[in-house]
């Protein structure tokens, strides 16, 4: 004898199928959401690590100034500039304690002097504009890279006549400021002061 399904049984079956579909949909949504969360967490972790490394580099990978000197122009008759002006600045730098290797070719120097402000890049850099040079004083090789605390390089800045494209020469008693920035954003500020009298001297400590 065949039994016929009642409408109530059909309704219960439809409800069961609907519940199953909803459940499967919820599982799929949860799986997708979990995947998005995992990817986002990995991305944020990577960004946090990168930011942390950069922050550490900004604090630790700094230059340390050993001495700053100025070359005194002995005779201004050739270029019309008065005697006793400083026509070049040399800043000897080394690694600050705990710093990693610092490539001076990636550094920039901001010159803030009595006649204005100038941004200088390394003479071997591709950026146009006024430049600074480097001279090895104590280094393993001639590349301007501070690899060890014993390395010493001089940052050399030539100063021009008034109205020139770069920094102007400094007279006796004048002051200037240098801000040296490494590639990682670490900076060191150097205050330069020309003595009130430079008569008879070929160079002075600034």
N, C-alpha and C. Protein backbone atom coordinates (compact mmCIF):
# COMPACT_ATOMS: atom_id res chain seq x y z
N UNK A 1 0.85 -1.18 0.00
CA UNK A 1 0.00 0.00 0.00
C UNK A 1 0.89 1.23 0.00
N UNK A 2 0.70 2.12 -0.99
CA UNK A 2 1.53 3.31 -1.10
C UNK A 2 1.04 4.38 -0.13
N UNK A 3 2.07 5.04 0.45
CA UNK A 3 1.74 6.14 1.35
C UNK A 3 1.97 7.45 0.62
N UNK A 4 1.14 8.36 0.75
CA UNK A 4 1.27 9.66 0.13
C UNK A 4 1.82 10.66 1.15
N UNK A 5 2.78 11.45 0.62
CA UNK A 5 3.37 12.47 1.52
C UNK A 5 2.38 13.59 1.72
N UNK A 6 2.28 14.03 2.93
CA UNK A 6 1.40 15.15 3.23
C UNK A 6 2.10 16.46 2.88
N UNK A 7 1.35 17.51 2.76
CA UNK A 7 1.91 18.84 2.47
C UNK A 7 2.84 19.28 3.59
N UNK A 8 2.56 18.84 4.81
CA UNK A 8 3.42 19.21 5.94
C UNK A 8 4.80 18.61 5.77
N UNK A 9 4.86 17.33 5.27
CA UNK A 9 6.16 16.71 5.04
C UNK A 9 6.93 17.44 3.96
N UNK A 10 6.21 17.87 2.89
CA UNK A 10 6.88 18.60 1.81
C UNK A 10 7.44 19.93 2.32
N UNK A 11 6.67 20.58 3.15
CA UNK A 11 7.14 21.86 3.69
C UNK A 11 8.37 21.67 4.57
N UNK A 12 8.35 20.59 5.38
CA UNK A 12 9.52 20.34 6.22
C UNK A 12 10.74 20.03 5.37
N UNK A 13 10.57 19.30 4.25
CA UNK A 13 11.69 19.00 3.37
C UNK A 13 12.24 20.25 2.73
N UNK A 14 11.36 21.16 2.29
CA UNK A 14 11.81 22.39 1.68
C UNK A 14 12.57 23.26 2.68
N UNK A 15 12.06 23.29 3.91
CA UNK A 15 12.74 24.05 4.97
C UNK A 15 14.12 23.47 5.24
N UNK A 16 14.22 22.15 5.25
CA UNK A 16 15.52 21.51 5.47
C UNK A 16 16.51 21.83 4.38
N UNK A 17 16.04 21.78 3.11
CA UNK A 17 16.92 22.11 2.00
C UNK A 17 17.35 23.58 2.07
N UNK A 18 16.41 24.46 2.39
CA UNK A 18 16.73 25.88 2.51
C UNK A 18 17.75 26.14 3.61
N UNK A 19 17.55 25.44 4.74
CA UNK A 19 18.51 25.59 5.84
C UNK A 19 19.90 25.12 5.43
N UNK A 20 19.97 24.02 4.67
CA UNK A 20 21.25 23.50 4.21
C UNK A 20 21.93 24.49 3.27
N UNK A 21 21.14 25.10 2.38
CA UNK A 21 21.71 26.09 1.45
C UNK A 21 22.26 27.29 2.22
N UNK A 22 21.47 27.74 3.19
CA UNK A 22 21.92 28.87 4.00
C UNK A 22 23.20 28.53 4.75
N UNK A 23 23.24 27.32 5.30
CA UNK A 23 24.43 26.88 6.04
C UNK A 23 25.66 26.86 5.14
N UNK A 24 25.47 26.28 3.93
CA UNK A 24 26.61 26.22 2.99
C UNK A 24 27.06 27.63 2.62
N UNK A 25 26.07 28.52 2.39
CA UNK A 25 26.43 29.90 2.06
C UNK A 25 27.20 30.56 3.19
N UNK A 26 26.78 30.31 4.43
CA UNK A 26 27.48 30.88 5.58
C UNK A 26 28.90 30.34 5.68
N UNK A 27 29.07 29.05 5.40
CA UNK A 27 30.42 28.46 5.44
C UNK A 27 31.32 29.10 4.39
N UNK A 28 30.74 29.30 3.18
CA UNK A 28 31.53 29.92 2.11
C UNK A 28 31.91 31.36 2.46
N UNK A 29 30.96 32.11 2.98
CA UNK A 29 31.24 33.48 3.38
C UNK A 29 32.30 33.53 4.47
N UNK A 30 32.18 32.61 5.45
CA UNK A 30 33.17 32.57 6.54
C UNK A 30 34.55 32.22 6.00
N UNK A 31 34.63 31.29 5.04
CA UNK A 31 35.92 30.91 4.46
C UNK A 31 36.55 32.07 3.71
N UNK A 32 35.70 32.79 2.92
CA UNK A 32 36.23 33.94 2.19
C UNK A 32 36.70 35.02 3.15
N UNK A 33 35.90 35.28 4.19
CA UNK A 33 36.28 36.29 5.18
C UNK A 33 37.57 35.91 5.89
N UNK A 34 37.73 34.62 6.20
CA UNK A 34 38.95 34.16 6.86
C UNK A 34 40.16 34.37 5.96
N UNK A 35 39.97 34.07 4.64
CA UNK A 35 41.07 34.27 3.70
C UNK A 35 41.47 35.73 3.61
N UNK A 36 40.47 36.61 3.57
CA UNK A 36 40.75 38.05 3.52
C UNK A 36 41.49 38.51 4.77
N UNK A 37 41.04 38.02 5.92
CA UNK A 37 41.68 38.39 7.18
C UNK A 37 43.13 37.92 7.24
N UNK A 38 43.37 36.70 6.78
CA UNK A 38 44.74 36.17 6.79
C UNK A 38 45.63 37.00 5.87
N UNK A 39 45.14 37.32 4.66
CA UNK A 39 45.93 38.14 3.73
C UNK A 39 46.19 39.53 4.29
N UNK A 40 45.15 40.11 4.89
CA UNK A 40 45.30 41.44 5.47
C UNK A 40 46.30 41.43 6.62
N UNK A 41 46.21 40.40 7.46
CA UNK A 41 47.14 40.30 8.59
C UNK A 41 48.57 40.15 8.09
N UNK A 42 48.78 39.35 7.03
CA UNK A 42 50.12 39.20 6.48
C UNK A 42 50.64 40.49 5.90
N UNK A 43 49.77 41.23 5.19
CA UNK A 43 50.17 42.51 4.61
C UNK A 43 50.54 43.52 5.70
N UNK A 44 49.69 43.58 6.74
CA UNK A 44 49.97 44.52 7.84
C UNK A 44 51.24 44.16 8.58
N UNK A 45 51.48 42.86 8.75
CA UNK A 45 52.71 42.43 9.42
C UNK A 45 53.93 42.83 8.61
N UNK A 46 53.85 42.65 7.28
CA UNK A 46 54.96 43.03 6.41
C UNK A 46 55.21 44.54 6.46
N UNK A 47 54.10 45.32 6.40
CA UNK A 47 54.25 46.78 6.47
C UNK A 47 54.80 47.22 7.81
N UNK A 48 54.36 46.57 8.88
CA UNK A 48 54.84 46.93 10.21
C UNK A 48 56.33 46.63 10.34
N UNK A 49 56.76 45.49 9.79
CA UNK A 49 58.18 45.14 9.85
C UNK A 49 59.01 46.13 9.05
N UNK A 50 58.50 46.51 7.86
CA UNK A 50 59.22 47.47 7.03
C UNK A 50 59.29 48.83 7.71
N UNK A 51 58.19 49.25 8.30
CA UNK A 51 58.18 50.53 9.02
C UNK A 51 59.12 50.50 10.21
N UNK A 52 59.14 49.37 10.91
CA UNK A 52 60.04 49.23 12.05
C UNK A 52 61.49 49.32 11.64
N UNK A 53 61.84 48.66 10.53
CA UNK A 53 63.21 48.70 10.05
C UNK A 53 63.62 50.11 9.66
N UNK A 54 62.70 50.82 8.98
CA UNK A 54 63.01 52.19 8.59
C UNK A 54 63.15 53.10 9.81
N UNK A 55 62.31 52.88 10.80
CA UNK A 55 62.40 53.69 12.01
C UNK A 55 63.71 53.46 12.73
N UNK A 56 64.12 52.20 12.80
CA UNK A 56 65.40 51.88 13.44
C UNK A 56 66.55 52.50 12.66
N UNK A 57 66.47 52.43 11.31
CA UNK A 57 67.53 52.99 10.48
C UNK A 57 67.62 54.50 10.66
N UNK A 58 66.47 55.17 10.78
CA UNK A 58 66.48 56.62 10.97
C UNK A 58 67.16 57.00 12.28
N UNK A 59 67.02 56.16 13.28
CA UNK A 59 67.61 56.46 14.58
C UNK A 59 69.07 56.04 14.66
N UNK A 60 69.39 54.86 14.11
CA UNK A 60 70.73 54.29 14.31
C UNK A 60 71.72 54.58 13.19
N UNK A 61 71.26 54.57 11.93
CA UNK A 61 72.19 54.72 10.80
C UNK A 61 72.49 56.20 10.56
N UNK A 62 73.16 56.79 11.53
CA UNK A 62 73.47 58.21 11.48
C UNK A 62 74.96 58.44 11.27
N UNK A 63 75.27 59.63 10.76
CA UNK A 63 76.66 60.05 10.64
C UNK A 63 77.08 60.76 11.92
N UNK A 64 78.38 60.73 12.15
CA UNK A 64 78.95 61.46 13.28
C UNK A 64 80.05 62.36 12.73
N UNK A 65 80.00 63.63 13.09
CA UNK A 65 80.98 64.60 12.59
C UNK A 65 82.22 64.57 13.48
N UNK A 66 83.38 64.43 12.84
CA UNK A 66 84.65 64.42 13.56
C UNK A 66 85.20 65.83 13.68
N UNK A 67 85.25 66.54 12.54
CA UNK A 67 85.77 67.91 12.54
C UNK A 67 85.28 68.59 11.27
N UNK A 68 85.16 69.91 11.33
CA UNK A 68 84.81 70.71 10.16
C UNK A 68 85.84 71.82 10.00
N UNK A 69 86.38 71.96 8.80
CA UNK A 69 87.40 72.97 8.54
C UNK A 69 87.02 73.78 7.31
N UNK A 70 87.61 74.96 7.21
CA UNK A 70 87.37 75.82 6.06
C UNK A 70 88.68 76.22 5.43
N UNK A 71 88.73 76.25 4.11
CA UNK A 71 89.92 76.71 3.39
C UNK A 71 89.81 78.22 3.18
N UNK A 72 90.85 78.94 3.61
CA UNK A 72 90.82 80.40 3.51
C UNK A 72 91.42 80.83 2.17
N UNK A 73 90.69 81.65 1.44
CA UNK A 73 91.15 82.17 0.16
C UNK A 73 92.34 83.10 0.39
N UNK A 74 93.54 82.71 -0.09
CA UNK A 74 94.72 83.51 0.24
C UNK A 74 94.84 84.79 -0.58
N UNK A 75 94.28 84.78 -1.79
CA UNK A 75 94.44 85.93 -2.66
C UNK A 75 93.20 86.10 -3.51
N UNK A 76 92.47 87.17 -3.31
CA UNK A 76 91.24 87.38 -4.05
C UNK A 76 91.42 88.17 -5.32
N UNK A 77 92.65 88.52 -5.64
CA UNK A 77 92.87 89.38 -6.80
C UNK A 77 92.47 88.71 -8.10
N UNK A 78 92.57 87.37 -8.15
CA UNK A 78 92.29 86.66 -9.41
C UNK A 78 90.82 86.62 -9.73
N UNK A 79 89.97 86.55 -8.71
CA UNK A 79 88.54 86.45 -8.98
C UNK A 79 87.73 87.61 -8.40
N UNK A 80 88.41 88.61 -7.91
CA UNK A 80 87.70 89.79 -7.42
C UNK A 80 87.06 89.62 -6.06
N UNK A 81 87.40 88.56 -5.35
CA UNK A 81 86.83 88.32 -4.03
C UNK A 81 87.86 88.72 -2.97
N UNK A 82 87.40 89.36 -1.94
CA UNK A 82 88.32 89.87 -0.93
C UNK A 82 89.08 88.75 -0.25
N UNK A 83 90.31 89.08 0.14
CA UNK A 83 91.12 88.12 0.89
C UNK A 83 90.42 87.76 2.20
N UNK A 84 90.74 86.56 2.68
CA UNK A 84 90.25 86.18 3.99
C UNK A 84 88.86 85.58 4.00
N UNK A 85 88.32 85.22 2.83
CA UNK A 85 87.03 84.53 2.80
C UNK A 85 87.26 83.03 2.74
N UNK A 86 86.32 82.28 3.29
CA UNK A 86 86.39 80.81 3.25
C UNK A 86 85.75 80.36 1.94
N UNK A 87 86.56 79.70 1.08
CA UNK A 87 86.06 79.32 -0.24
C UNK A 87 85.77 77.82 -0.37
N UNK A 88 85.96 77.07 0.71
CA UNK A 88 85.63 75.64 0.69
C UNK A 88 85.46 75.14 2.12
N UNK A 89 84.54 74.22 2.29
CA UNK A 89 84.28 73.62 3.60
C UNK A 89 84.48 72.11 3.49
N UNK A 90 85.18 71.54 4.45
CA UNK A 90 85.42 70.10 4.49
C UNK A 90 84.96 69.56 5.84
N UNK A 91 84.01 68.64 5.79
CA UNK A 91 83.45 68.07 7.02
C UNK A 91 83.81 66.59 7.07
N UNK A 92 84.62 66.20 8.04
CA UNK A 92 85.02 64.80 8.18
C UNK A 92 83.96 64.05 8.99
N UNK A 93 83.47 62.93 8.41
CA UNK A 93 82.39 62.18 9.05
C UNK A 93 82.78 60.72 9.20
N UNK A 94 82.11 60.06 10.13
CA UNK A 94 82.26 58.63 10.36
C UNK A 94 80.89 58.08 10.76
N UNK A 95 80.84 56.78 11.01
CA UNK A 95 79.59 56.18 11.47
C UNK A 95 79.32 56.55 12.93
N UNK A 96 78.07 56.81 13.23
CA UNK A 96 77.68 56.93 14.63
C UNK A 96 77.70 55.54 15.26
N UNK A 97 77.87 55.43 16.58
CA UNK A 97 77.88 54.11 17.22
C UNK A 97 76.63 53.31 16.89
N UNK A 98 76.83 52.06 16.47
CA UNK A 98 75.72 51.18 16.15
C UNK A 98 75.17 51.32 14.75
N UNK A 99 75.73 52.20 13.94
CA UNK A 99 75.20 52.42 12.60
C UNK A 99 75.66 51.32 11.64
N UNK A 100 74.82 51.05 10.64
CA UNK A 100 75.18 50.13 9.57
C UNK A 100 75.94 50.91 8.50
N UNK A 101 76.26 50.25 7.38
CA UNK A 101 77.00 50.90 6.30
C UNK A 101 76.19 52.09 5.77
N UNK A 102 76.88 53.19 5.49
CA UNK A 102 76.25 54.40 4.98
C UNK A 102 76.95 54.80 3.69
N UNK A 103 76.19 54.82 2.60
CA UNK A 103 76.71 55.22 1.30
C UNK A 103 76.49 56.72 1.13
N UNK A 104 77.57 57.47 1.11
CA UNK A 104 77.45 58.92 1.01
C UNK A 104 76.95 59.38 -0.35
N UNK A 105 76.98 58.50 -1.35
CA UNK A 105 76.44 58.87 -2.66
C UNK A 105 74.92 59.02 -2.62
N UNK A 106 74.29 58.44 -1.60
CA UNK A 106 72.83 58.56 -1.45
C UNK A 106 72.43 59.65 -0.48
N UNK A 107 73.41 60.35 0.06
CA UNK A 107 73.12 61.40 1.04
C UNK A 107 72.82 62.72 0.33
N UNK A 108 72.15 63.60 1.05
CA UNK A 108 71.94 64.97 0.59
C UNK A 108 72.40 65.92 1.69
N UNK A 109 72.85 67.10 1.27
CA UNK A 109 73.33 68.09 2.22
C UNK A 109 72.55 69.38 1.99
N UNK A 110 71.95 69.87 3.05
CA UNK A 110 71.28 71.17 2.99
C UNK A 110 72.21 72.23 3.58
N UNK A 111 72.51 73.23 2.77
CA UNK A 111 73.36 74.33 3.21
C UNK A 111 72.48 75.53 3.53
N UNK A 112 72.53 75.99 4.78
CA UNK A 112 71.77 77.17 5.19
C UNK A 112 72.78 78.23 5.59
N UNK A 113 73.01 79.20 4.70
CA UNK A 113 74.02 80.21 4.92
C UNK A 113 73.45 81.61 4.94
N UNK A 114 74.31 82.62 5.12
CA UNK A 114 73.83 84.01 5.17
C UNK A 114 73.13 84.46 3.89
N UNK A 115 73.52 83.85 2.74
CA UNK A 115 72.96 84.28 1.46
C UNK A 115 71.81 83.42 0.98
N UNK A 116 71.44 82.38 1.73
CA UNK A 116 70.32 81.55 1.29
C UNK A 116 70.54 80.08 1.58
N UNK A 117 69.61 79.27 1.09
CA UNK A 117 69.62 77.83 1.33
C UNK A 117 69.80 77.08 0.02
N UNK A 118 70.60 76.02 0.06
CA UNK A 118 70.84 75.21 -1.13
C UNK A 118 70.83 73.73 -0.73
N UNK A 119 70.34 72.89 -1.64
CA UNK A 119 70.37 71.45 -1.44
C UNK A 119 71.41 70.84 -2.37
N UNK A 120 72.32 70.07 -1.81
CA UNK A 120 73.42 69.50 -2.57
C UNK A 120 73.30 67.98 -2.59
N UNK A 121 73.62 67.40 -3.74
CA UNK A 121 73.69 65.95 -3.88
C UNK A 121 75.11 65.55 -4.21
N UNK A 122 75.41 64.26 -4.08
CA UNK A 122 76.77 63.80 -4.35
C UNK A 122 77.11 64.00 -5.82
N UNK A 123 78.37 64.28 -6.08
CA UNK A 123 78.81 64.56 -7.44
C UNK A 123 78.59 63.39 -8.39
N UNK A 124 78.48 62.17 -7.86
CA UNK A 124 78.23 60.99 -8.70
C UNK A 124 76.75 60.64 -8.79
N UNK A 125 75.90 61.41 -8.14
CA UNK A 125 74.46 61.15 -8.20
C UNK A 125 73.90 61.67 -9.53
N UNK A 126 72.76 61.14 -9.91
CA UNK A 126 72.16 61.53 -11.19
C UNK A 126 71.32 62.80 -11.10
N UNK A 127 71.03 63.26 -9.87
CA UNK A 127 70.18 64.44 -9.73
C UNK A 127 70.92 65.69 -10.20
N UNK A 128 70.24 66.56 -10.94
CA UNK A 128 70.87 67.81 -11.35
C UNK A 128 70.95 68.78 -10.19
N UNK A 129 71.82 69.79 -10.33
CA UNK A 129 71.92 70.79 -9.28
C UNK A 129 73.32 70.86 -8.71
N UNK A 130 73.45 71.63 -7.65
CA UNK A 130 74.75 71.82 -7.01
C UNK A 130 75.14 70.54 -6.28
N UNK A 131 76.45 70.26 -6.21
CA UNK A 131 76.88 68.98 -5.66
C UNK A 131 77.99 69.16 -4.62
N UNK A 132 78.21 68.09 -3.88
CA UNK A 132 79.35 68.02 -2.96
C UNK A 132 80.21 66.82 -3.35
N UNK A 133 81.47 66.86 -2.99
CA UNK A 133 82.38 65.76 -3.27
C UNK A 133 82.73 65.03 -1.99
N UNK A 134 83.42 63.92 -2.14
CA UNK A 134 83.90 63.15 -0.98
C UNK A 134 85.35 62.75 -1.20
N UNK A 135 86.12 62.78 -0.12
CA UNK A 135 87.52 62.40 -0.16
C UNK A 135 87.78 61.36 0.92
N UNK A 136 88.32 60.18 0.56
CA UNK A 136 88.63 59.20 1.60
C UNK A 136 89.80 59.66 2.46
N UNK A 137 89.62 59.63 3.75
CA UNK A 137 90.69 59.96 4.69
C UNK A 137 91.27 58.69 5.30
N UNK A 138 90.37 57.81 5.70
CA UNK A 138 90.76 56.50 6.21
C UNK A 138 89.64 55.53 5.85
N UNK A 139 89.90 54.69 4.84
CA UNK A 139 88.85 53.79 4.37
C UNK A 139 89.49 52.59 3.68
N UNK A 140 88.73 51.49 3.64
CA UNK A 140 89.22 50.27 3.01
C UNK A 140 89.32 50.45 1.50
N UNK A 141 88.35 51.13 0.89
CA UNK A 141 88.40 51.37 -0.54
C UNK A 141 87.99 52.81 -0.82
N UNK A 142 88.07 53.20 -2.09
CA UNK A 142 87.80 54.59 -2.46
C UNK A 142 86.32 54.90 -2.60
N UNK A 143 85.45 53.88 -2.61
CA UNK A 143 84.02 54.15 -2.68
C UNK A 143 83.58 54.91 -1.43
N UNK A 144 82.77 55.95 -1.60
CA UNK A 144 82.36 56.76 -0.44
C UNK A 144 81.31 56.05 0.42
N UNK A 145 81.73 54.93 1.00
CA UNK A 145 80.83 54.14 1.85
C UNK A 145 81.50 53.93 3.20
N UNK A 146 80.80 54.32 4.26
CA UNK A 146 81.30 54.11 5.61
C UNK A 146 80.87 52.72 6.06
N UNK A 147 81.82 51.78 6.04
CA UNK A 147 81.51 50.39 6.37
C UNK A 147 81.82 50.04 7.82
N UNK A 148 82.81 50.70 8.41
CA UNK A 148 83.23 50.38 9.77
C UNK A 148 83.37 51.68 10.57
N UNK A 149 83.37 51.58 11.90
CA UNK A 149 83.54 52.79 12.72
C UNK A 149 84.88 53.48 12.52
N UNK A 150 85.87 52.78 11.92
CA UNK A 150 87.18 53.38 11.69
C UNK A 150 87.24 54.19 10.39
N UNK A 151 86.26 54.01 9.52
CA UNK A 151 86.27 54.73 8.24
C UNK A 151 86.05 56.22 8.45
N UNK A 152 86.76 57.01 7.65
CA UNK A 152 86.63 58.45 7.68
C UNK A 152 86.57 58.98 6.25
N UNK A 153 85.57 59.81 5.98
CA UNK A 153 85.47 60.49 4.69
C UNK A 153 85.23 61.97 4.93
N UNK A 154 85.75 62.77 4.01
CA UNK A 154 85.51 64.21 4.07
C UNK A 154 84.43 64.57 3.06
N UNK A 155 83.41 65.30 3.51
CA UNK A 155 82.40 65.87 2.63
C UNK A 155 82.90 67.26 2.24
N UNK A 156 83.14 67.45 0.94
CA UNK A 156 83.78 68.67 0.44
C UNK A 156 82.78 69.54 -0.30
N UNK A 157 82.68 70.79 0.14
CA UNK A 157 81.74 71.73 -0.46
C UNK A 157 82.52 72.97 -0.91
N UNK A 158 82.50 73.22 -2.22
CA UNK A 158 83.13 74.42 -2.75
C UNK A 158 82.16 75.59 -2.66
N UNK A 159 82.67 76.73 -2.23
CA UNK A 159 81.84 77.93 -2.08
C UNK A 159 82.18 78.92 -3.18
N UNK A 160 81.16 79.50 -3.78
CA UNK A 160 81.36 80.40 -4.90
C UNK A 160 81.22 81.86 -4.53
N UNK A 161 81.38 82.70 -5.56
CA UNK A 161 81.23 84.14 -5.37
C UNK A 161 79.76 84.47 -5.14
N UNK A 162 79.52 85.65 -4.62
CA UNK A 162 78.14 86.08 -4.37
C UNK A 162 77.33 86.04 -5.66
N UNK A 163 76.14 85.48 -5.57
CA UNK A 163 75.29 85.37 -6.74
C UNK A 163 75.52 84.12 -7.57
N UNK A 164 76.43 83.25 -7.15
CA UNK A 164 76.68 82.01 -7.88
C UNK A 164 75.55 81.03 -7.65
N UNK A 165 75.59 79.91 -8.40
CA UNK A 165 74.49 78.94 -8.31
C UNK A 165 74.47 78.22 -6.97
N UNK A 166 75.61 78.09 -6.32
CA UNK A 166 75.67 77.34 -5.08
C UNK A 166 75.87 78.23 -3.87
N UNK A 167 76.30 77.63 -2.77
CA UNK A 167 76.54 78.40 -1.54
C UNK A 167 77.61 79.46 -1.73
N UNK A 168 77.41 80.61 -1.10
CA UNK A 168 78.38 81.71 -1.18
C UNK A 168 79.51 81.51 -0.19
N UNK A 169 80.63 82.15 -0.51
CA UNK A 169 81.76 82.12 0.41
C UNK A 169 81.41 82.82 1.72
N UNK A 170 82.14 82.42 2.77
CA UNK A 170 81.88 82.96 4.10
C UNK A 170 82.97 83.94 4.48
N UNK A 171 82.55 85.07 5.00
CA UNK A 171 83.50 86.05 5.51
C UNK A 171 83.82 85.75 6.97
N UNK A 172 84.86 86.38 7.46
CA UNK A 172 85.24 86.22 8.86
C UNK A 172 84.06 86.60 9.75
N UNK A 173 83.78 85.74 10.74
CA UNK A 173 82.70 86.00 11.68
C UNK A 173 81.34 85.50 11.24
N UNK A 174 81.21 85.07 9.99
CA UNK A 174 79.91 84.60 9.52
C UNK A 174 79.65 83.15 9.95
N UNK A 175 78.37 82.76 9.91
CA UNK A 175 77.97 81.42 10.33
C UNK A 175 77.14 80.76 9.23
N UNK A 176 77.15 79.44 9.23
CA UNK A 176 76.31 78.65 8.32
C UNK A 176 75.94 77.36 9.03
N UNK A 177 74.97 76.67 8.47
CA UNK A 177 74.52 75.41 9.06
C UNK A 177 74.37 74.37 7.97
N UNK A 178 74.84 73.16 8.24
CA UNK A 178 74.69 72.03 7.33
C UNK A 178 73.78 71.00 7.97
N UNK A 179 72.88 70.45 7.16
CA UNK A 179 72.06 69.32 7.60
C UNK A 179 72.32 68.18 6.63
N UNK A 180 72.97 67.12 7.12
CA UNK A 180 73.33 65.99 6.28
C UNK A 180 72.30 64.88 6.50
N UNK A 181 71.63 64.48 5.43
CA UNK A 181 70.59 63.45 5.50
C UNK A 181 71.06 62.20 4.77
N UNK A 182 70.96 61.04 5.43
CA UNK A 182 71.28 59.79 4.77
C UNK A 182 70.05 59.29 4.01
N UNK A 183 70.23 58.23 3.25
CA UNK A 183 69.13 57.68 2.45
C UNK A 183 67.96 57.25 3.32
N UNK A 184 68.23 56.75 4.54
CA UNK A 184 67.17 56.27 5.42
C UNK A 184 66.49 57.37 6.20
N UNK A 185 66.94 58.61 6.01
CA UNK A 185 66.28 59.72 6.68
C UNK A 185 66.94 60.15 7.98
N UNK A 186 68.03 59.49 8.37
CA UNK A 186 68.76 59.94 9.55
C UNK A 186 69.49 61.23 9.21
N UNK A 187 69.54 62.15 10.15
CA UNK A 187 70.17 63.43 9.85
C UNK A 187 71.08 63.88 10.99
N UNK A 188 72.09 64.66 10.60
CA UNK A 188 72.98 65.28 11.58
C UNK A 188 73.16 66.73 11.17
N UNK A 189 73.15 67.61 12.15
CA UNK A 189 73.28 69.04 11.88
C UNK A 189 74.66 69.52 12.32
N UNK A 190 75.31 70.30 11.44
CA UNK A 190 76.65 70.82 11.71
C UNK A 190 76.57 72.35 11.69
N UNK A 191 77.01 72.97 12.76
CA UNK A 191 77.04 74.43 12.85
C UNK A 191 78.46 74.91 12.55
N UNK A 192 78.57 75.81 11.58
CA UNK A 192 79.86 76.31 11.13
C UNK A 192 79.99 77.78 11.50
N UNK A 193 81.10 78.15 12.13
CA UNK A 193 81.35 79.53 12.49
C UNK A 193 82.77 79.89 12.10
N UNK A 194 82.92 80.89 11.23
CA UNK A 194 84.25 81.35 10.83
C UNK A 194 84.79 82.25 11.92
N UNK A 195 86.05 82.05 12.33
CA UNK A 195 86.63 82.94 13.35
C UNK A 195 86.57 84.40 12.92
N UNK A 196 86.60 85.28 13.91
CA UNK A 196 86.53 86.72 13.62
C UNK A 196 87.74 87.21 12.85
N UNK A 197 88.86 86.52 12.98
CA UNK A 197 90.05 86.90 12.24
C UNK A 197 90.69 85.66 11.63
N UNK A 198 90.97 85.72 10.33
CA UNK A 198 91.63 84.61 9.63
C UNK A 198 92.90 85.08 8.95
N UNK A 199 93.39 86.23 9.33
CA UNK A 199 94.59 86.80 8.69
C UNK A 199 95.78 85.86 8.84
N UNK A 200 96.44 85.64 7.71
CA UNK A 200 97.66 84.83 7.72
C UNK A 200 97.43 83.34 7.86
N UNK A 201 96.19 82.89 7.77
CA UNK A 201 95.88 81.46 7.92
C UNK A 201 95.36 80.92 6.60
N UNK A 202 95.77 79.68 6.30
CA UNK A 202 95.32 79.03 5.07
C UNK A 202 94.07 78.17 5.30
N UNK A 203 93.84 77.80 6.56
CA UNK A 203 92.64 77.02 6.90
C UNK A 203 92.29 77.30 8.35
N UNK A 204 91.00 77.09 8.65
CA UNK A 204 90.52 77.32 10.01
C UNK A 204 89.55 76.24 10.39
N UNK A 205 89.45 75.97 11.68
CA UNK A 205 88.43 75.04 12.17
C UNK A 205 87.13 75.83 12.35
N UNK A 206 86.06 75.25 11.86
CA UNK A 206 84.76 75.94 11.89
C UNK A 206 83.89 75.43 13.04
